[in-house]
Amino acid sequence: MNTRAWIVFLDESDVSLLPQVRRTYAPRGRTPLLRHRLNWKRASMAAALGYHATDPERGPRLCFHLKPGSYDTPGLIEVLE
């Protein structure tokens, strides 16, 4: 039996970098117009949470990786390495 095994949970998520909606003032009866540049930039984060299978003294480990754009299969494999 291999006693050096880790149990790893991997998750990937995208985040939009659009500005938050904000409040503004307009005279009564006139709809306020909010203008901002719409750069549809995205960032992705991959995180791995690992537990050692037989040695609770080691404790859990959390590792994460940030990347502009989106992940593809080879990109997630690089994160695991």
PDB file of N, CA and C in Angstrom:
ATOM      1  N   MET A   1       0.839  -1.187   0.000  1.00  0.00           N
ATOM      2  CA  MET A   1       0.000   0.000   0.000  1.00  0.00           C
ATOM      3  C   MET A   1       0.883   1.248   0.000  1.00  0.00           C
ATOM      4  N   ASN A   2       0.544   2.189  -0.849  1.00  0.00           N
ATOM      5  CA  ASN A   2       1.302   3.437  -0.958  1.00  0.00           C
ATOM      6  C   ASN A   2       0.818   4.402   0.123  1.00  0.00           C
ATOM      7  N   THR A   3       1.672   4.762   1.049  1.00  0.00           N
ATOM      8  CA  THR A   3       1.275   5.652   2.146  1.00  0.00           C
ATOM      9  C   THR A   3       1.600   7.113   1.865  1.00  0.00           C
ATOM     10  N   ARG A   4       2.078   7.411   0.663  1.00  0.00           N
ATOM     11  CA  ARG A   4       2.421   8.799   0.329  1.00  0.00           C
ATOM     12  C   ARG A   4       1.370   9.441  -0.572  1.00  0.00           C
ATOM     13  N   ALA A   5       0.151   8.946  -0.554  1.00  0.00           N
ATOM     14  CA  ALA A   5      -0.894   9.430  -1.453  1.00  0.00           C
ATOM     15  C   ALA A   5      -1.534  10.716  -0.923  1.00  0.00           C
ATOM     16  N   TRP A   6      -1.914  11.572  -1.840  1.00  0.00           N
ATOM     17  CA  TRP A   6      -2.651  12.792  -1.540  1.00  0.00           C
ATOM     18  C   TRP A   6      -4.012  12.706  -2.223  1.00  0.00           C
ATOM     19  N   ILE A   7      -5.024  13.243  -1.590  1.00  0.00           N
ATOM     20  CA  ILE A   7      -6.331  13.413  -2.207  1.00  0.00           C
ATOM     21  C   ILE A   7      -6.427  14.883  -2.585  1.00  0.00           C
ATOM     22  N   VAL A   8      -6.647  15.163  -3.874  1.00  0.00           N
ATOM     23  CA  VAL A   8      -6.620  16.543  -4.367  1.00  0.00           C
ATOM     24  C   VAL A   8      -7.942  16.863  -5.056  1.00  0.00           C
ATOM     25  N   PHE A   9      -8.523  18.009  -4.692  1.00  0.00           N
ATOM     26  CA  PHE A   9      -9.728  18.527  -5.325  1.00  0.00           C
ATOM     27  C   PHE A   9      -9.320  19.755  -6.131  1.00  0.00           C
ATOM     28  N   LEU A  10      -9.629  19.761  -7.423  1.00  0.00           N
ATOM     29  CA  LEU A  10      -9.255  20.864  -8.320  1.00  0.00           C
ATOM     30  C   LEU A  10     -10.521  21.535  -8.830  1.00  0.00           C
ATOM     31  N   ASP A  11     -10.528  22.872  -8.843  1.00  0.00           N
ATOM     32  CA  ASP A  11     -11.664  23.626  -9.369  1.00  0.00           C
ATOM     33  C   ASP A  11     -11.138  24.825 -10.135  1.00  0.00           C
ATOM     34  N   GLU A  12     -11.875  25.224 -11.167  1.00  0.00           N
ATOM     35  CA  GLU A  12     -11.497  26.360 -12.001  1.00  0.00           C
ATOM     36  C   GLU A  12     -12.710  27.265 -12.125  1.00  0.00           C
ATOM     37  N   SER A  13     -12.485  28.580 -12.064  1.00  0.00           N
ATOM     38  CA  SER A  13     -13.584  29.533 -12.137  1.00  0.00           C
ATOM     39  C   SER A  13     -13.149  30.757 -12.925  1.00  0.00           C
ATOM     40  N   ASP A  14     -14.089  31.357 -13.671  1.00  0.00           N
ATOM     41  CA  ASP A  14     -13.840  32.592 -14.417  1.00  0.00           C
ATOM     42  C   ASP A  14     -14.413  33.771 -13.650  1.00  0.00           C
ATOM     43  N   VAL A  15     -13.770  34.922 -13.809  1.00  0.00           N
ATOM     44  CA  VAL A  15     -14.218  36.142 -13.158  1.00  0.00           C
ATOM     45  C   VAL A  15     -14.256  37.241 -14.209  1.00  0.00           C
ATOM     46  N   SER A  16     -15.349  37.981 -14.267  1.00  0.00           N
ATOM     47  CA  SER A  16     -15.451  39.112 -15.178  1.00  0.00           C
ATOM     48  C   SER A  16     -14.882  40.345 -14.490  1.00  0.00           C
ATOM     49  N   LEU A  17     -14.119  41.132 -15.214  1.00  0.00           N
ATOM     50  CA  LEU A  17     -13.492  42.321 -14.646  1.00  0.00           C
ATOM     51  C   LEU A  17     -14.236  43.606 -15.025  1.00  0.00           C
ATOM     52  N   LEU A  18     -15.566  43.498 -15.185  1.00  0.00           N
ATOM     53  CA  LEU A  18     -16.365  44.679 -15.484  1.00  0.00           C
ATOM     54  C   LEU A  18     -16.512  45.522 -14.224  1.00  0.00           C
ATOM     55  N   PRO A  19     -16.682  46.828 -14.383  1.00  0.00           N
ATOM     56  CA  PRO A  19     -16.848  47.679 -13.202  1.00  0.00           C
ATOM     57  C   PRO A  19     -18.174  47.398 -12.499  1.00  0.00           C
ATOM     58  N   GLN A  20     -18.213  47.704 -11.223  1.00  0.00           N
ATOM     59  CA  GLN A  20     -19.437  47.530 -10.447  1.00  0.00           C
ATOM     60  C   GLN A  20     -20.458  48.597 -10.846  1.00  0.00           C
ATOM     61  N   VAL A  21     -21.736  48.261 -10.724  1.00  0.00           N
ATOM     62  CA  VAL A  21     -22.790  49.239 -10.959  1.00  0.00           C
ATOM     63  C   VAL A  21     -22.766  50.217  -9.794  1.00  0.00           C
ATOM     64  N   ARG A  22     -22.914  51.488 -10.077  1.00  0.00           N
ATOM     65  CA  ARG A  22     -22.837  52.497  -9.023  1.00  0.00           C
ATOM     66  C   ARG A  22     -24.075  53.380  -9.058  1.00  0.00           C
ATOM     67  N   ARG A  23     -24.308  54.069  -7.971  1.00  0.00           N
ATOM     68  CA  ARG A  23     -25.437  54.993  -7.892  1.00  0.00           C
ATOM     69  C   ARG A  23     -25.039  56.342  -8.468  1.00  0.00           C
ATOM     70  N   THR A  24     -26.040  57.052  -8.910  1.00  0.00           N
ATOM     71  CA  THR A  24     -25.805  58.399  -9.418  1.00  0.00           C
ATOM     72  C   THR A  24     -27.053  59.234  -9.185  1.00  0.00           C
ATOM     73  N   TYR A  25     -26.951  60.495  -9.496  1.00  0.00           N
ATOM     74  CA  TYR A  25     -28.054  61.425  -9.292  1.00  0.00           C
ATOM     75  C   TYR A  25     -28.608  61.844 -10.648  1.00  0.00           C
ATOM     76  N   ALA A  26     -29.937  62.018 -10.711  1.00  0.00           N
ATOM     77  CA  ALA A  26     -30.582  62.587 -11.888  1.00  0.00           C
ATOM     78  C   ALA A  26     -31.825  63.321 -11.406  1.00  0.00           C
ATOM     79  N   PRO A  27     -32.208  64.370 -12.101  1.00  0.00           N
ATOM     80  CA  PRO A  27     -33.443  65.071 -11.723  1.00  0.00           C
ATOM     81  C   PRO A  27     -34.644  64.124 -11.791  1.00  0.00           C
ATOM     82  N   ARG A  28     -35.648  64.417 -10.999  1.00  0.00           N
ATOM     83  CA  ARG A  28     -36.841  63.568 -10.945  1.00  0.00           C
ATOM     84  C   ARG A  28     -37.460  63.452 -12.339  1.00  0.00           C
ATOM     85  N   GLY A  29     -37.795  62.232 -12.709  1.00  0.00           N
ATOM     86  CA  GLY A  29     -38.424  61.985 -14.002  1.00  0.00           C
ATOM     87  C   GLY A  29     -37.444  61.752 -15.140  1.00  0.00           C
ATOM     88  N   ARG A  30     -36.167  61.883 -14.892  1.00  0.00           N
ATOM     89  CA  ARG A  30     -35.164  61.648 -15.946  1.00  0.00           C
ATOM     90  C   ARG A  30     -34.289  60.470 -15.523  1.00  0.00           C
ATOM     91  N   THR A  31     -34.154  59.492 -16.379  1.00  0.00           N
ATOM     92  CA  THR A  31     -33.353  58.309 -16.084  1.00  0.00           C
ATOM     93  C   THR A  31     -31.872  58.659 -16.147  1.00  0.00           C
ATOM     94  N   PRO A  32     -31.115  58.331 -15.112  1.00  0.00           N
ATOM     95  CA  PRO A  32     -29.673  58.608 -15.168  1.00  0.00           C
ATOM     96  C   PRO A  32     -28.984  57.672 -16.162  1.00  0.00           C
ATOM     97  N   LEU A  33     -27.977  58.200 -16.831  1.00  0.00           N
ATOM     98  CA  LEU A  33     -27.203  57.402 -17.773  1.00  0.00           C
ATOM     99  C   LEU A  33     -25.825  57.154 -17.184  1.00  0.00           C
ATOM    100  N   LEU A  34     -25.487  55.917 -17.032  1.00  0.00           N
ATOM    101  CA  LEU A  34     -24.162  55.541 -16.544  1.00  0.00           C
ATOM    102  C   LEU A  34     -23.337  55.059 -17.727  1.00  0.00           C
ATOM    103  N   ARG A  35     -22.237  55.706 -17.932  1.00  0.00           N
ATOM    104  CA  ARG A  35     -21.372  55.325 -19.053  1.00  0.00           C
ATOM    105  C   ARG A  35     -20.013  54.906 -18.509  1.00  0.00           C
ATOM    106  N   HIS A  36     -19.558  53.787 -18.994  1.00  0.00           N
ATOM    107  CA  HIS A  36     -18.205  53.339 -18.685  1.00  0.00           C
ATOM    108  C   HIS A  36     -17.729  52.455 -19.825  1.00  0.00           C
ATOM    109  N   ARG A  37     -16.436  52.350 -19.941  1.00  0.00           N
ATOM    110  CA  ARG A  37     -15.856  51.534 -21.010  1.00  0.00           C
ATOM    111  C   ARG A  37     -16.144  50.067 -20.739  1.00  0.00           C
ATOM    112  N   LEU A  38     -16.634  49.385 -21.731  1.00  0.00           N
ATOM    113  CA  LEU A  38     -16.937  47.961 -21.572  1.00  0.00           C
ATOM    114  C   LEU A  38     -15.809  47.123 -22.169  1.00  0.00           C
ATOM    115  N   ASN A  39     -14.768  46.962 -21.428  1.00  0.00           N
ATOM    116  CA  ASN A  39     -13.704  46.048 -21.817  1.00  0.00           C
ATOM    117  C   ASN A  39     -14.039  44.700 -21.197  1.00  0.00           C
ATOM    118  N   TRP A  40     -14.451  43.768 -22.003  1.00  0.00           N
ATOM    119  CA  TRP A  40     -14.903  42.468 -21.512  1.00  0.00           C
ATOM    120  C   TRP A  40     -13.709  41.611 -21.150  1.00  0.00           C
ATOM    121  N   LYS A  41     -12.911  42.081 -20.232  1.00  0.00           N
ATOM    122  CA  LYS A  41     -11.743  41.321 -19.802  1.00  0.00           C
ATOM    123  C   LYS A  41     -12.175  40.260 -18.805  1.00  0.00           C
ATOM    124  N   ARG A  42     -11.517  39.136 -18.872  1.00  0.00           N
ATOM    125  CA  ARG A  42     -11.823  38.040 -17.968  1.00  0.00           C
ATOM    126  C   ARG A  42     -10.529  37.509 -17.368  1.00  0.00           C
ATOM    127  N   ALA A  43     -10.652  37.009 -16.176  1.00  0.00           N
ATOM    128  CA  ALA A  43      -9.541  36.342 -15.514  1.00  0.00           C
ATOM    129  C   ALA A  43     -10.043  34.985 -15.038  1.00  0.00           C
ATOM    130  N   SER A  44      -9.140  34.050 -14.931  1.00  0.00           N
ATOM    131  CA  SER A  44      -9.492  32.713 -14.458  1.00  0.00           C
ATOM    132  C   SER A  44      -8.617  32.347 -13.275  1.00  0.00           C
ATOM    133  N   MET A  45      -9.179  31.561 -12.387  1.00  0.00           N
ATOM    134  CA  MET A  45      -8.434  31.075 -11.238  1.00  0.00           C
ATOM    135  C   MET A  45      -8.659  29.574 -11.121  1.00  0.00           C
ATOM    136  N   ALA A  46      -7.583  28.841 -10.947  1.00  0.00           N
ATOM    137  CA  ALA A  46      -7.656  27.409 -10.673  1.00  0.00           C
ATOM    138  C   ALA A  46      -7.080  27.183  -9.281  1.00  0.00           C
ATOM    139  N   ALA A  47      -7.774  26.383  -8.489  1.00  0.00           N
ATOM    140  CA  ALA A  47      -7.325  26.119  -7.123  1.00  0.00           C
ATOM    141  C   ALA A  47      -7.356  24.625  -6.865  1.00  0.00           C
ATOM    142  N   ALA A  48      -6.393  24.159  -6.094  1.00  0.00           N
ATOM    143  CA  ALA A  48      -6.325  22.751  -5.702  1.00  0.00           C
ATOM    144  C   ALA A  48      -6.227  22.688  -4.184  1.00  0.00           C
ATOM    145  N   LEU A  49      -7.077  21.869  -3.592  1.00  0.00           N
ATOM    146  CA  LEU A  49      -7.073  21.640  -2.157  1.00  0.00           C
ATOM    147  C   LEU A  49      -6.662  20.195  -1.934  1.00  0.00           C
ATOM    148  N   GLY A  50      -5.570  19.984  -1.198  1.00  0.00           N
ATOM    149  CA  GLY A  50      -5.044  18.640  -1.015  1.00  0.00           C
ATOM    150  C   GLY A  50      -5.006  18.208   0.435  1.00  0.00           C
ATOM    151  N   TYR A  51      -5.324  16.958   0.652  1.00  0.00           N
ATOM    152  CA  TYR A  51      -5.253  16.331   1.977  1.00  0.00           C
ATOM    153  C   TYR A  51      -4.355  15.109   1.864  1.00  0.00           C
ATOM    154  N   HIS A  52      -3.480  14.928   2.843  1.00  0.00           N
ATOM    155  CA  HIS A  52      -2.656  13.727   2.855  1.00  0.00           C
ATOM    156  C   HIS A  52      -3.498  12.571   3.362  1.00  0.00           C
ATOM    157  N   ALA A  53      -3.486  11.460   2.649  1.00  0.00           N
ATOM    158  CA  ALA A  53      -4.407  10.360   2.926  1.00  0.00           C
ATOM    159  C   ALA A  53      -4.151   9.684   4.271  1.00  0.00           C
ATOM    160  N   THR A  54      -2.898   9.532   4.679  1.00  0.00           N
ATOM    161  CA  THR A  54      -2.621   8.748   5.888  1.00  0.00           C
ATOM    162  C   THR A  54      -1.944   9.524   7.003  1.00  0.00           C
ATOM    163  N   ASP A  55      -1.493  10.748   6.728  1.00  0.00           N
ATOM    164  CA  ASP A  55      -0.757  11.508   7.738  1.00  0.00           C
ATOM    165  C   ASP A  55      -1.489  12.807   8.057  1.00  0.00           C
ATOM    166  N   PRO A  56      -2.389  12.820   9.053  1.00  0.00           N
ATOM    167  CA  PRO A  56      -3.114  14.053   9.370  1.00  0.00           C
ATOM    168  C   PRO A  56      -2.219  15.158   9.925  1.00  0.00           C
ATOM    169  N   GLU A  57      -0.999  14.825  10.340  1.00  0.00           N
ATOM    170  CA  GLU A  57      -0.064  15.833  10.860  1.00  0.00           C
ATOM    171  C   GLU A  57       0.336  16.840   9.777  1.00  0.00           C
ATOM    172  N   ARG A  58       0.304  16.437   8.522  1.00  0.00           N
ATOM    173  CA  ARG A  58       0.712  17.329   7.433  1.00  0.00           C
ATOM    174  C   ARG A  58      -0.307  18.441   7.202  1.00  0.00           C
ATOM    175  N   GLY A  59      -1.558  18.197   7.492  1.00  0.00           N
ATOM    176  CA  GLY A  59      -2.594  19.214   7.323  1.00  0.00           C
ATOM    177  C   GLY A  59      -2.956  19.436   5.863  1.00  0.00           C
ATOM    178  N   PRO A  60      -4.030  20.176   5.622  1.00  0.00           N
ATOM    179  CA  PRO A  60      -4.454  20.454   4.249  1.00  0.00           C
ATOM    180  C   PRO A  60      -3.559  21.497   3.598  1.00  0.00           C
ATOM    181  N   ARG A  61      -3.488  21.451   2.278  1.00  0.00           N
ATOM    182  CA  ARG A  61      -2.708  22.418   1.495  1.00  0.00           C
ATOM    183  C   ARG A  61      -3.616  23.049   0.454  1.00  0.00           C
ATOM    184  N   LEU A  62      -3.505  24.358   0.273  1.00  0.00           N
ATOM    185  CA  LEU A  62      -4.265  25.075  -0.744  1.00  0.00           C
ATOM    186  C   LEU A  62      -3.284  25.758  -1.681  1.00  0.00           C
ATOM    187  N   CYS A  63      -3.442  25.515  -2.966  1.00  0.00           N
ATOM    188  CA  CYS A  63      -2.619  26.154  -3.994  1.00  0.00           C
ATOM    189  C   CYS A  63      -3.560  26.754  -5.030  1.00  0.00           C
ATOM    190  N   PHE A  64      -3.212  27.937  -5.556  1.00  0.00           N
ATOM    191  CA  PHE A  64      -4.056  28.519  -6.596  1.00  0.00           C
ATOM    192  C   PHE A  64      -3.191  29.197  -7.637  1.00  0.00           C
ATOM    193  N   HIS A  65      -3.779  29.417  -8.807  1.00  0.00           N
ATOM    194  CA  HIS A  65      -3.090  30.000  -9.951  1.00  0.00           C
ATOM    195  C   HIS A  65      -4.050  30.955 -10.644  1.00  0.00           C
ATOM    196  N   LEU A  66      -3.602  32.177 -10.926  1.00  0.00           N
ATOM    197  CA  LEU A  66      -4.408  33.172 -11.638  1.00  0.00           C
ATOM    198  C   LEU A  66      -3.880  33.350 -13.041  1.00  0.00           C
ATOM    199  N   LYS A  67      -4.792  33.575 -13.985  1.00  0.00           N
ATOM    200  CA  LYS A  67      -4.393  33.710 -15.388  1.00  0.00           C
ATOM    201  C   LYS A  67      -5.378  34.628 -16.102  1.00  0.00           C
ATOM    202  N   PRO A  68      -4.887  35.569 -16.942  1.00  0.00           N
ATOM    203  CA  PRO A  68      -5.823  36.342 -17.759  1.00  0.00           C
ATOM    204  C   PRO A  68      -6.430  35.437 -18.830  1.00  0.00           C
ATOM    205  N   GLY A  69      -7.673  35.690 -19.190  1.00  0.00           N
ATOM    206  CA  GLY A  69      -8.333  34.851 -20.187  1.00  0.00           C
ATOM    207  C   GLY A  69      -8.928  33.609 -19.552  1.00  0.00           C
ATOM    208  N   SER A  70      -8.991  32.536 -20.331  1.00  0.00           N
ATOM    209  CA  SER A  70      -9.597  31.288 -19.865  1.00  0.00           C
ATOM    210  C   SER A  70      -8.599  30.149 -19.908  1.00  0.00           C
ATOM    211  N   TYR A  71      -8.866  29.142 -19.096  1.00  0.00           N
ATOM    212  CA  TYR A  71      -8.045  27.938 -19.103  1.00  0.00           C
ATOM    213  C   TYR A  71      -8.529  26.991 -20.190  1.00  0.00           C
ATOM    214  N   ASP A  72      -7.604  26.218 -20.723  1.00  0.00           N
ATOM    215  CA  ASP A  72      -7.941  25.087 -21.565  1.00  0.00           C
ATOM    216  C   ASP A  72      -7.313  23.857 -20.926  1.00  0.00           C
ATOM    217  N   THR A  73      -7.477  22.703 -21.522  1.00  0.00           N
ATOM    218  CA  THR A  73      -6.980  21.465 -20.913  1.00  0.00           C
ATOM    219  C   THR A  73      -5.470  21.501 -20.677  1.00  0.00           C
ATOM    220  N   PRO A  74      -4.641  21.900 -21.667  1.00  0.00           N
ATOM    221  CA  PRO A  74      -3.201  21.952 -21.378  1.00  0.00           C
ATOM    222  C   PRO A  74      -2.850  22.951 -20.274  1.00  0.00           C
ATOM    223  N   GLY A  75      -3.599  24.051 -20.177  1.00  0.00           N
ATOM    224  CA  GLY A  75      -3.336  25.029 -19.118  1.00  0.00           C
ATOM    225  C   GLY A  75      -3.623  24.470 -17.733  1.00  0.00           C
ATOM    226  N   LEU A  76      -4.699  23.693 -17.605  1.00  0.00           N
ATOM    227  CA  LEU A  76      -5.002  23.089 -16.306  1.00  0.00           C
ATOM    228  C   LEU A  76      -3.995  21.998 -15.949  1.00  0.00           C
ATOM    229  N   ILE A  77      -3.480  21.292 -16.937  1.00  0.00           N
ATOM    230  CA  ILE A  77      -2.455  20.286 -16.679  1.00  0.00           C
ATOM    231  C   ILE A  77      -1.188  20.959 -16.154  1.00  0.00           C
ATOM    232  N   GLU A  78      -0.842  22.141 -16.697  1.00  0.00           N
ATOM    233  CA  GLU A  78       0.327  22.877 -16.189  1.00  0.00           C
ATOM    234  C   GLU A  78       0.125  23.284 -14.739  1.00  0.00           C
ATOM    235  N   VAL A  79      -1.101  23.656 -14.369  1.00  0.00           N
ATOM    236  CA  VAL A  79      -1.370  24.026 -12.981  1.00  0.00           C
ATOM    237  C   VAL A  79      -1.139  22.817 -12.063  1.00  0.00           C
ATOM    238  N   LEU A  80      -1.569  21.649 -12.487  1.00  0.00           N
ATOM    239  CA  LEU A  80      -1.385  20.441 -11.681  1.00  0.00           C
ATOM    240  C   LEU A  80       0.096  20.079 -11.520  1.00  0.00           C
ATOM    241  N   GLU A  81       0.892  20.354 -12.522  1.00  0.00           N
ATOM    242  CA  GLU A  81       2.320  20.035 -12.440  1.00  0.00           C
ATOM    243  C   GLU A  81       2.995  20.960 -11.454  1.00  0.00           C
TER     244      GLU A  81
END
